[in-house]
Amino acid sequence: MEELVCQWCAQPLRWEPRRGWVHPEGGLYVMVCASCGWRGAPYPSPARCPQCGGEVLDDHCARPIRLSDLRHVPPRDLPRWRKR
């Protein structure tokens, strides 16, 4: 069977019987800190940033796609809250 990766971040995904597809750290959602830029997908999801205590926002949910199909996926836009 071909490896499945997240369409948004290309990290390998694994199947958890009671939770579905998750990122390598165990979380369904990749989260980002609005203050310090920390990124992670821990399970359970933190209410505050584990580095600075700031607000964490959901970046994206695990969306499985075959690794061979990843090159056909257009890049997504940056979230609106992220500074350019």
PDB file of N, CA and C in Angstrom:
ATOM      1  N   MET A   1       0.841  -1.191   0.000  1.00  0.00           N
ATOM      2  CA  MET A   1       0.000   0.000   0.000  1.00  0.00           C
ATOM      3  C   MET A   1       0.880   1.247   0.000  1.00  0.00           C
ATOM      4  N   GLU A   2       0.499   2.205  -0.813  1.00  0.00           N
ATOM      5  CA  GLU A   2       1.269   3.434  -0.923  1.00  0.00           C
ATOM      6  C   GLU A   2       1.081   4.302   0.319  1.00  0.00           C
ATOM      7  N   GLU A   3       2.142   5.007   0.690  1.00  0.00           N
ATOM      8  CA  GLU A   3       2.090   5.874   1.868  1.00  0.00           C
ATOM      9  C   GLU A   3       1.113   7.025   1.647  1.00  0.00           C
ATOM     10  N   LEU A   4       0.358   7.341   2.692  1.00  0.00           N
ATOM     11  CA  LEU A   4      -0.543   8.486   2.653  1.00  0.00           C
ATOM     12  C   LEU A   4       0.090   9.615   3.445  1.00  0.00           C
ATOM     13  N   VAL A   5       0.015  10.815   2.884  1.00  0.00           N
ATOM     14  CA  VAL A   5       0.565  12.005   3.521  1.00  0.00           C
ATOM     15  C   VAL A   5      -0.527  13.053   3.614  1.00  0.00           C
ATOM     16  N   CYS A   6      -0.282  14.081   4.419  1.00  0.00           N
ATOM     17  CA  CYS A   6      -1.232  15.189   4.538  1.00  0.00           C
ATOM     18  C   CYS A   6      -1.117  16.076   3.300  1.00  0.00           C
ATOM     19  N   GLN A   7      -2.248  16.377   2.715  1.00  0.00           N
ATOM     20  CA  GLN A   7      -2.254  17.218   1.521  1.00  0.00           C
ATOM     21  C   GLN A   7      -1.664  18.599   1.799  1.00  0.00           C
ATOM     22  N   TRP A   8      -1.833  19.120   2.994  1.00  0.00           N
ATOM     23  CA  TRP A   8      -1.431  20.489   3.301  1.00  0.00           C
ATOM     24  C   TRP A   8       0.022  20.626   3.719  1.00  0.00           C
ATOM     25  N   CYS A   9       0.574  19.643   4.450  1.00  0.00           N
ATOM     26  CA  CYS A   9       1.941  19.790   4.957  1.00  0.00           C
ATOM     27  C   CYS A   9       2.883  18.681   4.506  1.00  0.00           C
ATOM     28  N   ALA A  10       2.370  17.674   3.803  1.00  0.00           N
ATOM     29  CA  ALA A  10       3.146  16.552   3.262  1.00  0.00           C
ATOM     30  C   ALA A  10       3.769  15.661   4.340  1.00  0.00           C
ATOM     31  N   GLN A  11       3.342  15.790   5.589  1.00  0.00           N
ATOM     32  CA  GLN A  11       3.817  14.884   6.631  1.00  0.00           C
ATOM     33  C   GLN A  11       3.114  13.543   6.475  1.00  0.00           C
ATOM     34  N   PRO A  12       3.805  12.449   6.784  1.00  0.00           N
ATOM     35  CA  PRO A  12       3.142  11.149   6.717  1.00  0.00           C
ATOM     36  C   PRO A  12       2.030  11.069   7.761  1.00  0.00           C
ATOM     37  N   LEU A  13       0.947  10.422   7.411  1.00  0.00           N
ATOM     38  CA  LEU A  13      -0.182  10.261   8.324  1.00  0.00           C
ATOM     39  C   LEU A  13      -0.287   8.805   8.746  1.00  0.00           C
ATOM     40  N   ARG A  14      -0.859   8.591   9.915  1.00  0.00           N
ATOM     41  CA  ARG A  14      -1.114   7.219  10.361  1.00  0.00           C
ATOM     42  C   ARG A  14      -2.567   7.124  10.818  1.00  0.00           C
ATOM     43  N   TRP A  15      -3.093   5.909  10.736  1.00  0.00           N
ATOM     44  CA  TRP A  15      -4.487   5.669  11.084  1.00  0.00           C
ATOM     45  C   TRP A  15      -4.589   5.265  12.543  1.00  0.00           C
ATOM     46  N   GLU A  16      -5.405   5.991  13.299  1.00  0.00           N
ATOM     47  CA  GLU A  16      -5.724   5.650  14.683  1.00  0.00           C
ATOM     48  C   GLU A  16      -7.170   5.144  14.681  1.00  0.00           C
ATOM     49  N   PRO A  17      -7.402   3.910  15.121  1.00  0.00           N
ATOM     50  CA  PRO A  17      -8.733   3.303  15.009  1.00  0.00           C
ATOM     51  C   PRO A  17      -9.897   4.150  15.549  1.00  0.00           C
ATOM     52  N   ARG A  18      -9.725   4.848  16.640  1.00  0.00           N
ATOM     53  CA  ARG A  18     -10.847   5.614  17.201  1.00  0.00           C
ATOM     54  C   ARG A  18     -10.848   7.088  16.820  1.00  0.00           C
ATOM     55  N   ARG A  19      -9.773   7.550  16.152  1.00  0.00           N
ATOM     56  CA  ARG A  19      -9.664   8.975  15.843  1.00  0.00           C
ATOM     57  C   ARG A  19      -9.470   9.277  14.368  1.00  0.00           C
ATOM     58  N   GLY A  20      -9.158   8.283  13.567  1.00  0.00           N
ATOM     59  CA  GLY A  20      -8.959   8.503  12.136  1.00  0.00           C
ATOM     60  C   GLY A  20      -7.509   8.848  11.812  1.00  0.00           C
ATOM     61  N   TRP A  21      -7.311   9.590  10.741  1.00  0.00           N
ATOM     62  CA  TRP A  21      -5.967   9.961  10.287  1.00  0.00           C
ATOM     63  C   TRP A  21      -5.384  11.048  11.176  1.00  0.00           C
ATOM     64  N   VAL A  22      -4.145  10.855  11.607  1.00  0.00           N
ATOM     65  CA  VAL A  22      -3.482  11.834  12.482  1.00  0.00           C
ATOM     66  C   VAL A  22      -2.072  12.108  11.971  1.00  0.00           C
ATOM     67  N   HIS A  23      -1.540  13.253  12.366  1.00  0.00           N
ATOM     68  CA  HIS A  23      -0.159  13.636  12.047  1.00  0.00           C
ATOM     69  C   HIS A  23       0.820  12.830  12.910  1.00  0.00           C
ATOM     70  N   PRO A  24       2.113  12.843  12.585  1.00  0.00           N
ATOM     71  CA  PRO A  24       3.093  12.037  13.323  1.00  0.00           C
ATOM     72  C   PRO A  24       3.111  12.271  14.839  1.00  0.00           C
ATOM     73  N   GLU A  25       2.803  13.485  15.294  1.00  0.00           N
ATOM     74  CA  GLU A  25       2.792  13.784  16.728  1.00  0.00           C
ATOM     75  C   GLU A  25       1.537  13.248  17.418  1.00  0.00           C
ATOM     76  N   GLY A  26       0.562  12.789  16.639  1.00  0.00           N
ATOM     77  CA  GLY A  26      -0.638  12.208  17.212  1.00  0.00           C
ATOM     78  C   GLY A  26      -1.883  13.053  17.098  1.00  0.00           C
ATOM     79  N   GLY A  27      -1.756  14.302  16.684  1.00  0.00           N
ATOM     80  CA  GLY A  27      -2.910  15.188  16.603  1.00  0.00           C
ATOM     81  C   GLY A  27      -3.562  15.203  15.232  1.00  0.00           C
ATOM     82  N   LEU A  28      -4.859  15.421  15.229  1.00  0.00           N
ATOM     83  CA  LEU A  28      -5.601  15.565  13.983  1.00  0.00           C
ATOM     84  C   LEU A  28      -5.300  16.919  13.343  1.00  0.00           C
ATOM     85  N   TYR A  29      -5.189  17.967  14.185  1.00  0.00           N
ATOM     86  CA  TYR A  29      -4.951  19.323  13.703  1.00  0.00           C
ATOM     87  C   TYR A  29      -3.504  19.747  13.946  1.00  0.00           C
ATOM     88  N   VAL A  30      -2.912  20.430  12.950  1.00  0.00           N
ATOM     89  CA  VAL A  30      -1.645  21.127  13.168  1.00  0.00           C
ATOM     90  C   VAL A  30      -2.037  22.501  13.681  1.00  0.00           C
ATOM     91  N   MET A  31      -1.399  22.916  14.761  1.00  0.00           N
ATOM     92  CA  MET A  31      -1.707  24.192  15.391  1.00  0.00           C
ATOM     93  C   MET A  31      -0.508  25.115  15.275  1.00  0.00           C
ATOM     94  N   VAL A  32      -0.766  26.422  15.299  1.00  0.00           N
ATOM     95  CA  VAL A  32       0.277  27.437  15.192  1.00  0.00           C
ATOM     96  C   VAL A  32       0.044  28.483  16.268  1.00  0.00           C
ATOM     97  N   CYS A  33       1.130  28.936  16.881  1.00  0.00           N
ATOM     98  CA  CYS A  33       1.033  30.016  17.863  1.00  0.00           C
ATOM     99  C   CYS A  33       1.075  31.355  17.144  1.00  0.00           C
ATOM    100  N   ALA A  34       0.122  32.205  17.439  1.00  0.00           N
ATOM    101  CA  ALA A  34       0.057  33.528  16.815  1.00  0.00           C
ATOM    102  C   ALA A  34       1.158  34.450  17.322  1.00  0.00           C
ATOM    103  N   SER A  35       1.752  34.137  18.476  1.00  0.00           N
ATOM    104  CA  SER A  35       2.782  35.000  19.061  1.00  0.00           C
ATOM    105  C   SER A  35       4.196  34.618  18.651  1.00  0.00           C
ATOM    106  N   CYS A  36       4.571  33.348  18.863  1.00  0.00           N
ATOM    107  CA  CYS A  36       5.970  32.950  18.643  1.00  0.00           C
ATOM    108  C   CYS A  36       6.188  32.106  17.401  1.00  0.00           C
ATOM    109  N   GLY A  37       5.113  31.660  16.737  1.00  0.00           N
ATOM    110  CA  GLY A  37       5.255  30.881  15.516  1.00  0.00           C
ATOM    111  C   GLY A  37       5.418  29.386  15.720  1.00  0.00           C
ATOM    112  N   TRP A  38       5.327  28.901  16.964  1.00  0.00           N
ATOM    113  CA  TRP A  38       5.425  27.466  17.215  1.00  0.00           C
ATOM    114  C   TRP A  38       4.400  26.732  16.371  1.00  0.00           C
ATOM    115  N   ARG A  39       4.794  25.557  15.852  1.00  0.00           N
ATOM    116  CA  ARG A  39       3.895  24.694  15.072  1.00  0.00           C
ATOM    117  C   ARG A  39       3.973  23.295  15.629  1.00  0.00           C
ATOM    118  N   GLY A  40       2.849  22.626  15.718  1.00  0.00           N
ATOM    119  CA  GLY A  40       2.850  21.250  16.178  1.00  0.00           C
ATOM    120  C   GLY A  40       1.477  20.636  16.076  1.00  0.00           C
ATOM    121  N   ALA A  41       1.449  19.304  16.251  1.00  0.00           N
ATOM    122  CA  ALA A  41       0.189  18.564  16.200  1.00  0.00           C
ATOM    123  C   ALA A  41       0.121  17.576  17.360  1.00  0.00           C
ATOM    124  N   PRO A  42       0.312  18.058  18.594  1.00  0.00           N
ATOM    125  CA  PRO A  42       0.270  17.133  19.724  1.00  0.00           C
ATOM    126  C   PRO A  42      -1.155  16.664  20.010  1.00  0.00           C
ATOM    127  N   TYR A  43      -1.222  15.530  20.695  1.00  0.00           N
ATOM    128  CA  TYR A  43      -2.519  15.034  21.152  1.00  0.00           C
ATOM    129  C   TYR A  43      -2.420  14.790  22.645  1.00  0.00           C
ATOM    130  N   PRO A  44      -3.315  15.335  23.425  1.00  0.00           N
ATOM    131  CA  PRO A  44      -4.429  16.205  23.044  1.00  0.00           C
ATOM    132  C   PRO A  44      -3.938  17.597  22.647  1.00  0.00           C
ATOM    133  N   SER A  45      -4.759  18.299  21.897  1.00  0.00           N
ATOM    134  CA  SER A  45      -4.394  19.640  21.437  1.00  0.00           C
ATOM    135  C   SER A  45      -4.284  20.598  22.613  1.00  0.00           C
ATOM    136  N   PRO A  46      -3.235  21.411  22.635  1.00  0.00           N
ATOM    137  CA  PRO A  46      -3.070  22.349  23.749  1.00  0.00           C
ATOM    138  C   PRO A  46      -4.024  23.538  23.646  1.00  0.00           C
ATOM    139  N   ALA A  47      -4.399  24.077  24.787  1.00  0.00           N
ATOM    140  CA  ALA A  47      -5.235  25.282  24.819  1.00  0.00           C
ATOM    141  C   ALA A  47      -4.370  26.533  24.668  1.00  0.00           C
ATOM    142  N   ARG A  48      -3.099  26.438  25.066  1.00  0.00           N
ATOM    143  CA  ARG A  48      -2.145  27.548  24.970  1.00  0.00           C
ATOM    144  C   ARG A  48      -0.856  27.014  24.341  1.00  0.00           C
ATOM    145  N   CYS A  49      -0.027  27.889  23.830  1.00  0.00           N
ATOM    146  CA  CYS A  49       1.246  27.505  23.219  1.00  0.00           C
ATOM    147  C   CYS A  49       2.163  26.867  24.270  1.00  0.00           C
ATOM    148  N   PRO A  50       2.737  25.698  23.980  1.00  0.00           N
ATOM    149  CA  PRO A  50       3.629  25.061  24.942  1.00  0.00           C
ATOM    150  C   PRO A  50       4.970  25.783  25.108  1.00  0.00           C
ATOM    151  N   GLN A  51       5.299  26.704  24.187  1.00  0.00           N
ATOM    152  CA  GLN A  51       6.562  27.444  24.303  1.00  0.00           C
ATOM    153  C   GLN A  51       6.409  28.779  25.012  1.00  0.00           C
ATOM    154  N   CYS A  52       5.401  29.549  24.621  1.00  0.00           N
ATOM    155  CA  CYS A  52       5.295  30.905  25.179  1.00  0.00           C
ATOM    156  C   CYS A  52       3.994  31.158  25.940  1.00  0.00           C
ATOM    157  N   GLY A  53       3.044  30.230  25.885  1.00  0.00           N
ATOM    158  CA  GLY A  53       1.769  30.421  26.565  1.00  0.00           C
ATOM    159  C   GLY A  53       0.774  31.254  25.785  1.00  0.00           C
ATOM    160  N   GLY A  54       1.131  31.630  24.543  1.00  0.00           N
ATOM    161  CA  GLY A  54       0.252  32.447  23.716  1.00  0.00           C
ATOM    162  C   GLY A  54      -0.913  31.665  23.137  1.00  0.00           C
ATOM    163  N   GLU A  55      -1.733  32.365  22.383  1.00  0.00           N
ATOM    164  CA  GLU A  55      -2.909  31.764  21.761  1.00  0.00           C
ATOM    165  C   GLU A  55      -2.493  30.849  20.618  1.00  0.00           C
ATOM    166  N   VAL A  56      -3.068  29.648  20.568  1.00  0.00           N
ATOM    167  CA  VAL A  56      -2.815  28.740  19.447  1.00  0.00           C
ATOM    168  C   VAL A  56      -4.033  28.692  18.543  1.00  0.00           C
ATOM    169  N   LEU A  57      -3.778  28.604  17.262  1.00  0.00           N
ATOM    170  CA  LEU A  57      -4.827  28.575  16.252  1.00  0.00           C
ATOM    171  C   LEU A  57      -4.681  27.305  15.425  1.00  0.00           C
ATOM    172  N   ASP A  58      -5.797  26.752  14.979  1.00  0.00           N
ATOM    173  CA  ASP A  58      -5.737  25.606  14.075  1.00  0.00           C
ATOM    174  C   ASP A  58      -5.189  26.070  12.736  1.00  0.00           C
ATOM    175  N   ASP A  59      -4.182  25.360  12.229  1.00  0.00           N
ATOM    176  CA  ASP A  59      -3.637  25.669  10.907  1.00  0.00           C
ATOM    177  C   ASP A  59      -4.341  24.817   9.853  1.00  0.00           C
ATOM    178  N   HIS A  60      -4.380  23.506  10.097  1.00  0.00           N
ATOM    179  CA  HIS A  60      -5.083  22.630   9.168  1.00  0.00           C
ATOM    180  C   HIS A  60      -5.359  21.283   9.817  1.00  0.00           C
ATOM    181  N   CYS A  61      -6.288  20.589   9.236  1.00  0.00           N
ATOM    182  CA  CYS A  61      -6.685  19.242   9.666  1.00  0.00           C
ATOM    183  C   CYS A  61      -6.002  18.228   8.742  1.00  0.00           C
ATOM    184  N   ALA A  62      -5.679  17.062   9.277  1.00  0.00           N
ATOM    185  CA  ALA A  62      -5.072  16.010   8.458  1.00  0.00           C
ATOM    186  C   ALA A  62      -6.005  15.664   7.300  1.00  0.00           C
ATOM    187  N   ARG A  63      -5.464  15.688   6.109  1.00  0.00           N
ATOM    188  CA  ARG A  63      -6.234  15.316   4.911  1.00  0.00           C
ATOM    189  C   ARG A  63      -5.376  14.358   4.101  1.00  0.00           C
ATOM    190  N   PRO A  64      -5.684  13.070   4.166  1.00  0.00           N
ATOM    191  CA  PRO A  64      -4.830  12.085   3.501  1.00  0.00           C
ATOM    192  C   PRO A  64      -4.888  12.159   1.980  1.00  0.00           C
ATOM    193  N   ILE A  65      -3.725  11.992   1.384  1.00  0.00           N
ATOM    194  CA  ILE A  65      -3.594  11.937  -0.067  1.00  0.00           C
ATOM    195  C   ILE A  65      -2.419  11.008  -0.355  1.00  0.00           C
ATOM    196  N   ARG A  66      -2.478  10.292  -1.455  1.00  0.00           N
ATOM    197  CA  ARG A  66      -1.358   9.421  -1.818  1.00  0.00           C
ATOM    198  C   ARG A  66      -0.134  10.265  -2.119  1.00  0.00           C
ATOM    199  N   LEU A  67       1.009   9.813  -1.709  1.00  0.00           N
ATOM    200  CA  LEU A  67       2.259  10.540  -1.927  1.00  0.00           C
ATOM    201  C   LEU A  67       2.453  10.830  -3.408  1.00  0.00           C
ATOM    202  N   SER A  68       2.105   9.907  -4.275  1.00  0.00           N
ATOM    203  CA  SER A  68       2.284  10.106  -5.720  1.00  0.00           C
ATOM    204  C   SER A  68       1.383  11.223  -6.261  1.00  0.00           C
ATOM    205  N   ASP A  69       0.279  11.519  -5.581  1.00  0.00           N
ATOM    206  CA  ASP A  69      -0.625  12.580  -6.031  1.00  0.00           C
ATOM    207  C   ASP A  69      -0.248  13.953  -5.490  1.00  0.00           C
ATOM    208  N   LEU A  70       0.683  14.003  -4.548  1.00  0.00           N
ATOM    209  CA  LEU A  70       1.019  15.263  -3.891  1.00  0.00           C
ATOM    210  C   LEU A  70       1.526  16.307  -4.877  1.00  0.00           C
ATOM    211  N   ARG A  71       2.257  15.907  -5.883  1.00  0.00           N
ATOM    212  CA  ARG A  71       2.817  16.885  -6.829  1.00  0.00           C
ATOM    213  C   ARG A  71       1.744  17.553  -7.676  1.00  0.00           C
ATOM    214  N   HIS A  72       0.531  16.989  -7.699  1.00  0.00           N
ATOM    215  CA  HIS A  72      -0.556  17.553  -8.496  1.00  0.00           C
ATOM    216  C   HIS A  72      -1.432  18.513  -7.694  1.00  0.00           C
ATOM    217  N   VAL A  73      -1.120  18.696  -6.424  1.00  0.00           N
ATOM    218  CA  VAL A  73      -1.940  19.547  -5.564  1.00  0.00           C
ATOM    219  C   VAL A  73      -1.396  20.973  -5.608  1.00  0.00           C
ATOM    220  N   PRO A  74      -2.228  21.954  -5.950  1.00  0.00           N
ATOM    221  CA  PRO A  74      -1.748  23.337  -5.973  1.00  0.00           C
ATOM    222  C   PRO A  74      -1.450  23.831  -4.561  1.00  0.00           C
ATOM    223  N   PRO A  75      -0.463  24.722  -4.409  1.00  0.00           N
ATOM    224  CA  PRO A  75      -0.171  25.255  -3.068  1.00  0.00           C
ATOM    225  C   PRO A  75      -1.357  26.068  -2.554  1.00  0.00           C
ATOM    226  N   ARG A  76      -1.586  25.974  -1.255  1.00  0.00           N
ATOM    227  CA  ARG A  76      -2.717  26.718  -0.697  1.00  0.00           C
ATOM    228  C   ARG A  76      -2.272  28.110  -0.272  1.00  0.00           C
ATOM    229  N   ASP A  77      -3.232  28.990  -0.152  1.00  0.00           N
ATOM    230  CA  ASP A  77      -2.936  30.351   0.299  1.00  0.00           C
ATOM    231  C   ASP A  77      -2.574  30.345   1.770  1.00  0.00           C
ATOM    232  N   LEU A  78      -1.797  31.340   2.193  1.00  0.00           N
ATOM    233  CA  LEU A  78      -1.483  31.490   3.604  1.00  0.00           C
ATOM    234  C   LEU A  78      -2.743  31.871   4.366  1.00  0.00           C
ATOM    235  N   PRO A  79      -2.890  31.392   5.595  1.00  0.00           N
ATOM    236  CA  PRO A  79      -4.043  31.818   6.393  1.00  0.00           C
ATOM    237  C   PRO A  79      -4.070  33.335   6.532  1.00  0.00           C
ATOM    238  N   ARG A  80      -5.253  33.900   6.663  1.00  0.00           N
ATOM    239  CA  ARG A  80      -5.395  35.365   6.735  1.00  0.00           C
ATOM    240  C   ARG A  80      -4.685  35.990   7.923  1.00  0.00           C
ATOM    241  N   TRP A  81      -4.596  35.257   9.033  1.00  0.00           N
ATOM    242  CA  TRP A  81      -3.996  35.838  10.238  1.00  0.00           C
ATOM    243  C   TRP A  81      -2.489  35.899  10.159  1.00  0.00           C
ATOM    244  N   ARG A  82      -1.866  35.146   9.270  1.00  0.00           N
ATOM    245  CA  ARG A  82      -0.416  35.104   9.194  1.00  0.00           C
ATOM    246  C   ARG A  82       0.117  36.363   8.513  1.00  0.00           C
ATOM    247  N   LYS A  83       1.091  36.998   9.101  1.00  0.00           N
ATOM    248  CA  LYS A  83       1.675  38.208   8.531  1.00  0.00           C
ATOM    249  C   LYS A  83       2.568  37.846   7.370  1.00  0.00           C
ATOM    250  N   ARG A  84       2.545  38.653   6.351  1.00  0.00           N
ATOM    251  CA  ARG A  84       3.364  38.399   5.158  1.00  0.00           C
ATOM    252  C   ARG A  84       4.617  39.221   5.181  1.00  0.00           C
TER     253      ARG A  84
END
